[in-house]
Amino acid sequence: MFRMAVALVMSGVLVGCMPMMGGGTAPGGAAAGGQQGPSMVGAAAAVAVVVATTAYRTRVQTELTQSRDPRKIAEKQALITSLDTIKMRMANFNSAMSLGEKLQIASSVSDIAKAKFPDRSDLIASTDMLLQVVMTAMNAASTAAQQEAAAAQR
C-alpha cells in the first residue's frame, strides 16, 4: 500500500512539474495570461493522489491512536502533516500550481520518504534539493519565455 501511495504521489509531483500540455483553458473559459488549465491526465493523476493519500492517512491515523512511544507518535504526526499537505495541494489541481505549491509537495514527499527510509535520508535530501532546483529553473525559463513572447507582441 505504501509503495503504491508513494508512486501515485510521485506521479502527481511529476505531473505538477511538467508544463501543461493540450488546449485547456483557465477557469472561466478564457485563457488567462497565456496559462493553460490542467490536462485531463493531470487531473486524473491528482484525483488518484488524493485517494491514495487519504487511504494511507487513515492507516497512519489508526497506527497513531494505537502507538504509545512518544518518538513513534511524533513520526506519525509528521507523516500525517505531510500527507495532508499533499492532499490539500492536489485537491486544488483545477488551477495552475504556483512554484511554492509544487515545492511544498516535493518537500512533503521527501519527508514521507525520509520517514520510511531513515537510512537513506542523505540520498532523499539530495534528490529533493535537485528536484527543487529543476522546478525553480523550469519556472524561471517559463516566466522568461512568457515575458519574451509578450515583448514580441508589442
Protein backbone atom coordinates (compact mmCIF):
# COMPACT_ATOMS: atom_id res chain seq x y z
CA MET A 1 0.00 0.00 0.00
CA PHE A 2 2.77 2.42 0.92
CA ARG A 3 4.66 1.83 -2.33
CA MET A 4 1.50 2.46 -4.33
CA ALA A 5 0.84 5.66 -2.41
CA VAL A 6 4.40 6.89 -2.94
CA ALA A 7 4.24 6.03 -6.65
CA LEU A 8 0.98 7.91 -7.06
CA VAL A 9 2.27 10.88 -5.09
CA MET A 10 5.43 10.99 -7.18
CA SER A 11 3.39 10.82 -10.38
CA GLY A 12 1.35 13.74 -9.11
CA VAL A 13 4.52 15.69 -8.38
CA LEU A 14 5.85 14.96 -11.84
CA VAL A 15 2.56 15.98 -13.44
CA GLY A 16 2.63 19.19 -11.41
CA CYS A 17 6.18 19.91 -12.56
CA MET A 18 5.59 19.31 -16.24
CA PRO A 19 4.31 22.13 -18.41
CA MET A 20 0.60 21.86 -19.05
CA MET A 21 0.01 20.38 -22.48
CA GLY A 22 -3.09 20.48 -24.58
CA GLY A 23 -5.68 23.09 -25.36
CA GLY A 24 -7.03 23.59 -21.86
CA THR A 25 -8.11 26.96 -20.61
CA ALA A 26 -8.05 28.66 -17.30
CA PRO A 27 -11.14 28.54 -15.11
CA GLY A 28 -13.86 30.70 -16.60
CA GLY A 29 -13.27 29.50 -20.15
CA ALA A 30 -10.76 32.13 -21.25
CA ALA A 31 -7.04 31.66 -21.40
CA ALA A 32 -5.75 33.85 -18.61
CA GLY A 33 -2.35 35.34 -19.23
CA GLY A 34 -1.38 32.56 -21.62
CA GLN A 35 -1.63 29.89 -18.92
CA GLN A 36 -3.48 26.74 -19.69
CA GLY A 37 -5.56 24.71 -17.30
CA PRO A 38 -4.57 21.21 -16.25
CA SER A 39 -4.75 18.36 -18.72
CA MET A 40 -7.21 15.52 -18.25
CA VAL A 41 -4.34 13.16 -17.42
CA GLY A 42 -3.05 15.60 -14.81
CA ALA A 43 -6.49 15.95 -13.26
CA ALA A 44 -6.92 12.17 -13.14
CA ALA A 45 -3.49 11.77 -11.53
CA ALA A 46 -4.42 14.44 -8.97
CA VAL A 47 -7.59 12.55 -8.06
CA ALA A 48 -5.62 9.30 -7.74
CA VAL A 49 -3.09 11.02 -5.47
CA VAL A 50 -5.85 12.41 -3.25
CA VAL A 51 -7.49 8.98 -2.95
CA ALA A 52 -4.17 7.25 -2.19
CA THR A 53 -3.09 9.83 0.38
CA THR A 54 -6.49 9.66 2.08
CA ALA A 55 -6.27 5.87 2.35
CA TYR A 56 -2.71 6.00 3.64
CA ARG A 57 -3.55 8.80 6.08
CA THR A 58 -6.38 6.71 7.51
CA ARG A 59 -3.99 3.82 8.09
CA VAL A 60 -1.38 6.08 9.72
CA GLN A 61 -4.07 7.68 11.91
CA THR A 62 -5.11 4.21 13.11
CA GLU A 63 -1.48 3.36 13.90
CA LEU A 64 -1.13 6.70 15.71
CA THR A 65 -4.04 6.01 18.03
CA GLN A 66 -2.52 2.64 18.97
CA SER A 67 1.03 3.92 19.50
CA ARG A 68 2.39 4.66 22.98
CA ASP A 69 6.02 5.51 22.15
CA PRO A 70 6.50 9.33 22.06
CA ARG A 71 9.02 9.08 19.21
CA LYS A 72 6.64 6.99 17.09
CA ILE A 73 3.78 9.37 17.88
CA ALA A 74 5.85 12.34 16.69
CA GLU A 75 6.83 10.48 13.49
CA LYS A 76 3.22 9.56 12.75
CA GLN A 77 2.03 13.13 13.35
CA ALA A 78 4.71 14.48 11.00
CA LEU A 79 3.69 11.91 8.40
CA ILE A 80 0.04 12.91 8.71
CA THR A 81 1.01 16.58 8.27
CA SER A 82 2.94 15.75 5.08
CA LEU A 83 0.05 13.67 3.73
CA ASP A 84 -2.41 16.48 4.47
CA THR A 85 -0.20 18.97 2.63
CA ILE A 86 -0.03 16.75 -0.44
CA LYS A 87 -3.76 16.04 -0.34
CA MET A 88 -4.65 19.72 0.03
CA ARG A 89 -2.41 20.82 -2.84
CA MET A 90 -3.55 18.06 -5.18
CA ALA A 91 -7.22 18.63 -4.34
CA ASN A 92 -6.84 22.15 -5.74
CA PHE A 93 -5.39 20.88 -9.02
CA ASN A 94 -8.10 22.59 -11.09
CA SER A 95 -5.92 25.68 -11.32
CA ALA A 96 -2.28 26.00 -12.30
CA MET A 97 0.00 25.34 -9.36
CA SER A 98 2.39 28.02 -8.24
CA LEU A 99 6.06 27.26 -7.77
CA GLY A 100 5.59 27.40 -4.00
CA GLU A 101 2.83 24.78 -4.11
CA LYS A 102 4.98 22.48 -6.23
CA LEU A 103 7.90 22.91 -3.84
CA GLN A 104 5.62 22.14 -0.87
CA ILE A 105 4.52 18.89 -2.49
CA ALA A 106 8.12 17.92 -3.25
CA SER A 107 9.17 18.63 0.35
CA SER A 108 6.25 16.65 1.73
CA VAL A 109 7.07 13.66 -0.48
CA SER A 110 10.67 13.92 0.68
CA ASP A 111 9.57 13.98 4.32
CA ILE A 112 7.45 10.86 3.80
CA ALA A 113 10.31 9.04 2.10
CA LYS A 114 12.74 10.04 4.88
CA ALA A 115 10.34 8.70 7.50
CA LYS A 116 10.03 5.39 5.66
CA PHE A 117 13.73 5.05 4.77
CA PRO A 118 15.74 6.84 7.51
CA ASP A 119 18.96 5.12 6.44
CA ARG A 120 18.72 6.83 3.03
CA SER A 121 17.87 10.32 4.24
CA ASP A 122 21.02 11.86 2.69
CA LEU A 123 20.11 10.48 -0.74
CA ILE A 124 16.50 11.59 -0.35
CA ALA A 125 17.54 15.08 0.74
CA SER A 126 19.88 15.39 -2.25
CA THR A 127 17.14 14.23 -4.61
CA ASP A 128 14.69 16.69 -3.05
CA MET A 129 17.17 19.54 -3.48
CA LEU A 130 17.80 18.57 -7.12
CA LEU A 131 14.06 18.41 -7.79
CA GLN A 132 13.57 21.85 -6.24
CA VAL A 133 16.40 23.30 -8.35
CA VAL A 134 14.92 21.78 -11.53
CA MET A 135 11.42 23.06 -10.71
CA THR A 136 12.76 26.55 -9.98
CA ALA A 137 14.76 26.57 -13.23
CA MET A 138 11.71 25.39 -15.21
CA ASN A 139 9.62 28.14 -13.61
CA ALA A 140 12.24 30.78 -14.41
CA ALA A 141 12.52 29.58 -18.01
CA SER A 142 8.73 29.61 -18.40
CA THR A 143 8.47 33.11 -16.97
CA ALA A 144 11.25 34.35 -19.25
CA ALA A 145 9.57 32.79 -22.30
CA GLN A 146 6.24 34.43 -21.39
CA GLN A 147 7.91 37.80 -20.95
CA GLU A 148 9.75 37.42 -24.25
CA ALA A 149 6.50 36.48 -26.04
CA ALA A 150 4.72 39.47 -24.50
CA ALA A 151 7.55 41.79 -25.59
CA ALA A 152 7.43 40.38 -29.12
CA GLN A 153 3.70 41.12 -29.38
CA ARG A 154 4.20 44.81 -28.64
